Amino acid sequence: MLEAALWGLIGASSLLLGAVIGVRTRLPNWLIGVIMAFGAGTLLSAVSFELTDSAFQLGGADVVAAGLALGALTYFAGALAIGRRGGHERMRATGRDDADNASALLLGAVLDGIPESAVIGISLIGGGGVGFPILAAVFLSNMPESISSSRGMHEQGVSVRRVLTTWALVCVVSALAAAAGYGFLTDASDNLVGLIQAFAGGAVLTMLADTMIPEAYNLQPRTSPLARSAVGLATVLGFAVAYLLSTLE
């Protein structure tokens, strides 16, 4: 479990790195959006080749269908509840309604990060090493989220210390989620492991469609069709890079 927690912490560490970049630099919004799209592409690849396919091999089509549905519905319900507290704006670089929404952002980031981190721990089951394509996908997708969110918080008056503390807490929770993903499923049946993999895949896919990809487009200048089209290209590039990493295992 300690190894799983460590890998989960490494995967989530880009959240803290992104928070530092967000409050200390002035990256243009369009660039943050492109990075976010690239990260979304890496997660799409991880869900396709590392989660859904593996779940099918372990449990079959019924396990995949049930897991995807449960994961999507669980994320949907959690996002709906958190959205009522302002957490739906957690990836927005500007335009928050108030400066005291750190708790909602924290809950939203944890909701996004738990399924991602849990699958890092799951990838260690069976005595093999960590799934590096999943680790890379989580690391790369986390950074633009924290860059965007941290800038938005800081511009609305939230102190640097509070911003960094918020993301440090998310990193800790992500490490615990990775440890739980490994510890609770080490002796589990193939069907249960496959169900959890598909569950995480459904939650991640819903998160991508609900937050990351729309916000990647929203960060582009509305007057520049070229910039908005670049989001699609960056998503495909992220998908391709993550897939190529998976072939190196």
Protein backbone atom coordinates (compact mmCIF):
# COMPACT_ATOMS: atom_id res chain seq x y z
CA MET A 1 0.00 0.00 0.00
CA LEU A 2 2.88 2.35 0.73
CA GLU A 3 4.22 1.93 -2.80
CA ALA A 4 0.78 2.60 -4.24
CA ALA A 5 0.43 5.73 -2.10
CA LEU A 6 3.83 6.95 -3.28
CA TRP A 7 2.95 6.50 -6.93
CA GLY A 8 -0.40 8.17 -6.32
CA LEU A 9 1.39 11.12 -4.73
CA ILE A 10 3.75 11.35 -7.69
CA GLY A 11 0.82 11.37 -10.09
CA ALA A 12 -0.91 14.10 -8.09
CA SER A 13 2.24 16.16 -7.52
CA SER A 14 1.62 17.98 -10.80
CA LEU A 15 -1.39 19.59 -9.08
CA LEU A 16 0.92 21.38 -6.68
CA LEU A 17 3.38 22.21 -9.46
CA GLY A 18 0.54 23.60 -11.54
CA ALA A 19 -0.70 25.66 -8.58
CA VAL A 20 2.72 27.29 -8.26
CA ILE A 21 2.74 28.05 -11.98
CA GLY A 22 -0.79 29.41 -11.77
CA VAL A 23 -0.10 31.93 -9.00
CA ARG A 24 3.45 32.86 -10.02
CA THR A 25 3.27 33.14 -13.81
CA ARG A 26 0.98 34.63 -16.41
CA LEU A 27 0.48 31.88 -18.95
CA PRO A 28 -2.05 32.97 -21.59
CA ASN A 29 -5.46 31.40 -21.29
CA TRP A 30 -5.28 29.84 -24.75
CA LEU A 31 -2.09 27.99 -23.81
CA ILE A 32 -3.67 26.66 -20.59
CA GLY A 33 -6.60 25.46 -22.67
CA VAL A 34 -4.33 23.65 -25.12
CA ILE A 35 -2.44 21.99 -22.25
CA MET A 36 -5.78 21.00 -20.73
CA ALA A 37 -6.88 19.46 -24.02
CA PHE A 38 -3.62 17.52 -24.26
CA GLY A 39 -4.17 16.19 -20.74
CA ALA A 40 -7.73 15.22 -21.64
CA GLY A 41 -6.40 13.25 -24.60
CA THR A 42 -3.98 11.32 -22.40
CA LEU A 43 -6.81 10.38 -20.06
CA LEU A 44 -9.03 9.31 -22.95
CA SER A 45 -6.26 6.96 -24.07
CA ALA A 46 -5.76 5.60 -20.56
CA VAL A 47 -9.48 4.94 -20.17
CA SER A 48 -9.62 3.17 -23.53
CA PHE A 49 -6.51 1.00 -23.40
CA GLU A 50 -5.63 0.70 -19.71
CA LEU A 51 -9.04 0.60 -18.02
CA THR A 52 -11.90 -0.43 -20.29
CA ASP A 53 -9.94 -3.04 -22.24
CA SER A 54 -8.45 -4.48 -19.06
CA ALA A 55 -11.89 -4.58 -17.41
CA PHE A 56 -13.25 -6.46 -20.42
CA GLN A 57 -10.45 -9.01 -20.26
CA LEU A 58 -11.15 -9.58 -16.57
CA GLY A 59 -14.93 -9.57 -16.44
CA GLY A 60 -16.46 -9.34 -19.87
CA ALA A 61 -18.92 -6.96 -21.47
CA ASP A 62 -21.47 -7.03 -18.63
CA VAL A 63 -18.87 -5.97 -16.07
CA VAL A 64 -17.67 -3.17 -18.34
CA ALA A 65 -21.20 -1.92 -18.98
CA ALA A 66 -22.14 -1.98 -15.30
CA GLY A 67 -18.89 -0.33 -14.18
CA LEU A 68 -19.03 2.46 -16.76
CA ALA A 69 -22.65 3.22 -15.88
CA LEU A 70 -22.04 3.23 -12.12
CA GLY A 71 -18.93 5.39 -12.45
CA ALA A 72 -20.64 7.91 -14.69
CA LEU A 73 -23.73 8.17 -12.47
CA THR A 74 -21.63 8.48 -9.31
CA TYR A 75 -19.53 11.28 -10.78
CA PHE A 76 -22.65 12.98 -12.15
CA ALA A 77 -24.32 12.96 -8.73
CA GLY A 78 -21.18 14.19 -6.98
CA ALA A 79 -20.59 16.95 -9.52
CA LEU A 80 -24.22 18.06 -9.23
CA ALA A 81 -23.94 18.36 -5.46
CA ILE A 82 -20.61 20.17 -5.57
CA GLY A 83 -21.77 22.43 -8.40
CA ARG A 84 -24.41 23.93 -6.12
CA ARG A 85 -21.54 25.20 -3.93
CA GLY A 86 -19.60 26.72 -6.82
CA GLY A 87 -17.39 23.74 -7.53
CA HIS A 88 -18.53 23.59 -11.16
CA GLU A 89 -16.12 26.48 -11.79
CA ARG A 90 -13.09 24.66 -10.39
CA MET A 91 -11.17 24.64 -13.70
CA ARG A 92 -11.99 28.20 -14.66
CA ALA A 93 -9.09 30.65 -14.91
CA THR A 94 -11.28 33.74 -14.46
CA GLY A 95 -14.77 34.79 -13.60
CA ARG A 96 -15.49 33.13 -10.25
CA ASP A 97 -18.30 34.68 -8.30
CA ASP A 98 -16.49 34.92 -4.96
CA ALA A 99 -13.12 34.43 -3.32
CA ASP A 100 -14.31 32.06 -0.63
CA ASN A 101 -14.93 28.97 -2.70
CA ALA A 102 -11.77 27.05 -1.81
CA SER A 103 -13.76 24.34 -0.06
CA ALA A 104 -15.94 23.77 -3.13
CA LEU A 105 -12.86 23.69 -5.34
CA LEU A 106 -11.22 21.23 -2.95
CA LEU A 107 -14.23 18.92 -3.06
CA GLY A 108 -14.42 19.17 -6.83
CA ALA A 109 -10.73 18.44 -7.30
CA VAL A 110 -10.97 15.46 -4.97
CA LEU A 111 -13.98 14.21 -6.95
CA ASP A 112 -11.90 14.47 -10.14
CA GLY A 113 -8.76 13.00 -8.63
CA ILE A 114 -10.02 9.96 -6.70
CA PRO A 115 -10.87 7.72 -9.68
CA GLU A 116 -7.67 8.73 -11.48
CA SER A 117 -5.50 7.97 -8.46
CA ALA A 118 -7.32 4.77 -7.57
CA VAL A 119 -6.46 3.24 -10.93
CA ILE A 120 -2.77 3.93 -10.27
CA GLY A 121 -3.05 1.67 -7.24
CA ILE A 122 -5.10 -0.88 -9.18
CA SER A 123 -2.35 -1.08 -11.82
CA LEU A 124 0.00 -2.49 -9.16
CA ILE A 125 -2.24 -5.49 -8.43
CA GLY A 126 -0.76 -8.77 -9.55
CA GLY A 127 2.83 -8.03 -8.61
CA GLY A 128 3.67 -5.96 -11.65
CA GLY A 129 5.03 -2.45 -11.67
CA VAL A 130 2.97 0.68 -11.83
CA GLY A 131 1.11 1.33 -15.07
CA PHE A 132 3.26 4.13 -16.46
CA PRO A 133 0.78 5.17 -19.20
CA ILE A 134 -1.85 5.73 -16.49
CA LEU A 135 0.66 7.51 -14.25
CA ALA A 136 1.73 9.77 -17.12
CA ALA A 137 -1.87 10.46 -18.10
CA VAL A 138 -2.83 11.45 -14.56
CA PHE A 139 0.28 13.61 -14.13
CA LEU A 140 -0.19 15.43 -17.44
CA SER A 141 -3.93 15.97 -17.03
CA ASN A 142 -3.66 17.28 -13.47
CA MET A 143 -1.39 20.23 -14.20
CA PRO A 144 -3.65 22.37 -16.42
CA GLU A 145 -6.54 21.90 -13.98
CA SER A 146 -4.54 23.32 -11.09
CA ILE A 147 -2.95 26.08 -13.21
CA SER A 148 -6.36 27.32 -14.29
CA SER A 149 -8.06 26.93 -10.93
CA SER A 150 -5.19 28.43 -8.93
CA ARG A 151 -5.02 31.50 -11.11
CA GLY A 152 -8.76 32.03 -10.78
CA MET A 153 -8.62 31.69 -6.98
CA HIS A 154 -5.63 34.02 -6.65
CA GLU A 155 -7.13 36.70 -8.92
CA GLN A 156 -10.25 36.72 -6.72
CA GLY A 157 -8.22 37.43 -3.58
CA VAL A 158 -7.39 33.98 -2.20
CA SER A 159 -3.92 34.01 -0.66
CA VAL A 160 -1.05 32.06 -2.20
CA ARG A 161 -0.72 30.06 1.01
CA ARG A 162 -4.37 29.02 0.93
CA VAL A 163 -4.19 28.09 -2.75
CA LEU A 164 -1.14 25.89 -2.23
CA THR A 165 -2.61 24.34 0.91
CA THR A 166 -5.75 23.43 -0.99
CA TRP A 167 -3.82 21.58 -3.67
CA ALA A 168 -1.50 19.95 -1.14
CA LEU A 169 -4.59 18.45 0.51
CA VAL A 170 -5.77 17.14 -2.85
CA CYS A 171 -2.36 15.51 -3.35
CA VAL A 172 -2.66 13.75 0.02
CA VAL A 173 -6.17 12.51 -0.73
CA SER A 174 -5.00 11.28 -4.13
CA ALA A 175 -2.19 9.30 -2.49
CA LEU A 176 -4.71 7.73 -0.10
CA ALA A 177 -7.00 6.87 -3.03
CA ALA A 178 -4.14 5.09 -4.80
CA ALA A 179 -3.33 3.15 -1.63
CA ALA A 180 -6.99 2.21 -1.23
CA GLY A 181 -7.23 1.11 -4.85
CA TYR A 182 -4.39 -1.32 -4.24
CA GLY A 183 -5.12 -2.38 -0.67
CA PHE A 184 -8.83 -3.10 -1.00
CA LEU A 185 -8.53 -5.04 -4.24
CA THR A 186 -5.34 -7.06 -3.82
CA ASP A 187 -7.24 -10.31 -3.16
CA ALA A 188 -10.40 -9.37 -5.03
CA SER A 189 -11.92 -11.48 -7.81
CA ASP A 190 -11.29 -10.62 -11.45
CA ASN A 191 -14.90 -9.51 -11.82
CA LEU A 192 -14.60 -7.04 -8.96
CA VAL A 193 -11.28 -5.63 -10.17
CA GLY A 194 -12.74 -5.28 -13.66
CA LEU A 195 -15.84 -3.57 -12.25
CA ILE A 196 -13.71 -1.03 -10.35
CA GLN A 197 -11.58 -0.36 -13.41
CA ALA A 198 -14.68 0.26 -15.52
CA PHE A 199 -16.19 2.34 -12.69
CA ALA A 200 -13.09 4.57 -12.66
CA GLY A 201 -13.23 4.78 -16.45
CA GLY A 202 -16.85 5.90 -16.40
CA ALA A 203 -16.13 8.54 -13.77
CA VAL A 204 -13.09 9.87 -15.67
CA LEU A 205 -14.96 9.99 -18.98
CA THR A 206 -17.80 11.93 -17.40
CA MET A 207 -15.31 14.35 -15.83
CA LEU A 208 -13.63 14.94 -19.21
CA ALA A 209 -16.92 15.67 -20.95
CA ASP A 210 -18.27 17.73 -18.06
CA THR A 211 -15.28 19.90 -17.19
CA MET A 212 -11.91 19.51 -18.91
CA ILE A 213 -12.81 19.54 -22.61
CA PRO A 214 -15.49 22.28 -22.37
CA GLU A 215 -13.16 24.48 -20.32
CA ALA A 216 -10.31 23.90 -22.79
CA TYR A 217 -12.57 25.42 -25.46
CA ASN A 218 -13.80 28.21 -23.18
CA LEU A 219 -10.22 29.35 -22.57
CA GLN A 220 -9.66 29.99 -26.28
CA PRO A 221 -10.38 33.45 -27.78
CA ARG A 222 -13.88 33.38 -29.22
CA THR A 223 -12.69 35.51 -32.13
CA SER A 224 -10.04 32.97 -33.18
CA PRO A 225 -11.41 29.86 -34.89
CA LEU A 226 -7.82 28.66 -35.32
CA ALA A 227 -7.17 28.67 -31.57
CA ARG A 228 -10.40 26.82 -30.83
CA SER A 229 -9.60 24.23 -33.50
CA ALA A 230 -6.21 23.67 -31.85
CA VAL A 231 -8.02 22.14 -28.87
CA GLY A 232 -9.05 19.17 -30.98
CA LEU A 233 -5.53 18.72 -32.33
CA ALA A 234 -4.04 18.87 -28.82
CA THR A 235 -6.54 16.27 -27.60
CA VAL A 236 -5.55 13.88 -30.37
CA LEU A 237 -1.86 14.51 -29.69
CA GLY A 238 -2.34 13.68 -26.02
CA PHE A 239 -4.23 10.52 -26.95
CA ALA A 240 -1.48 9.45 -29.35
CA VAL A 241 1.35 10.12 -26.90
CA ALA A 242 -0.36 8.13 -24.13
CA TYR A 243 -1.09 5.27 -26.52
CA LEU A 244 2.53 5.13 -27.66
CA LEU A 245 3.62 5.02 -24.02
CA SER A 246 1.32 2.04 -23.48
CA THR A 247 3.03 0.15 -26.31
CA LEU A 248 6.39 0.49 -24.55
CA GLU A 249 5.28 -1.55 -21.52
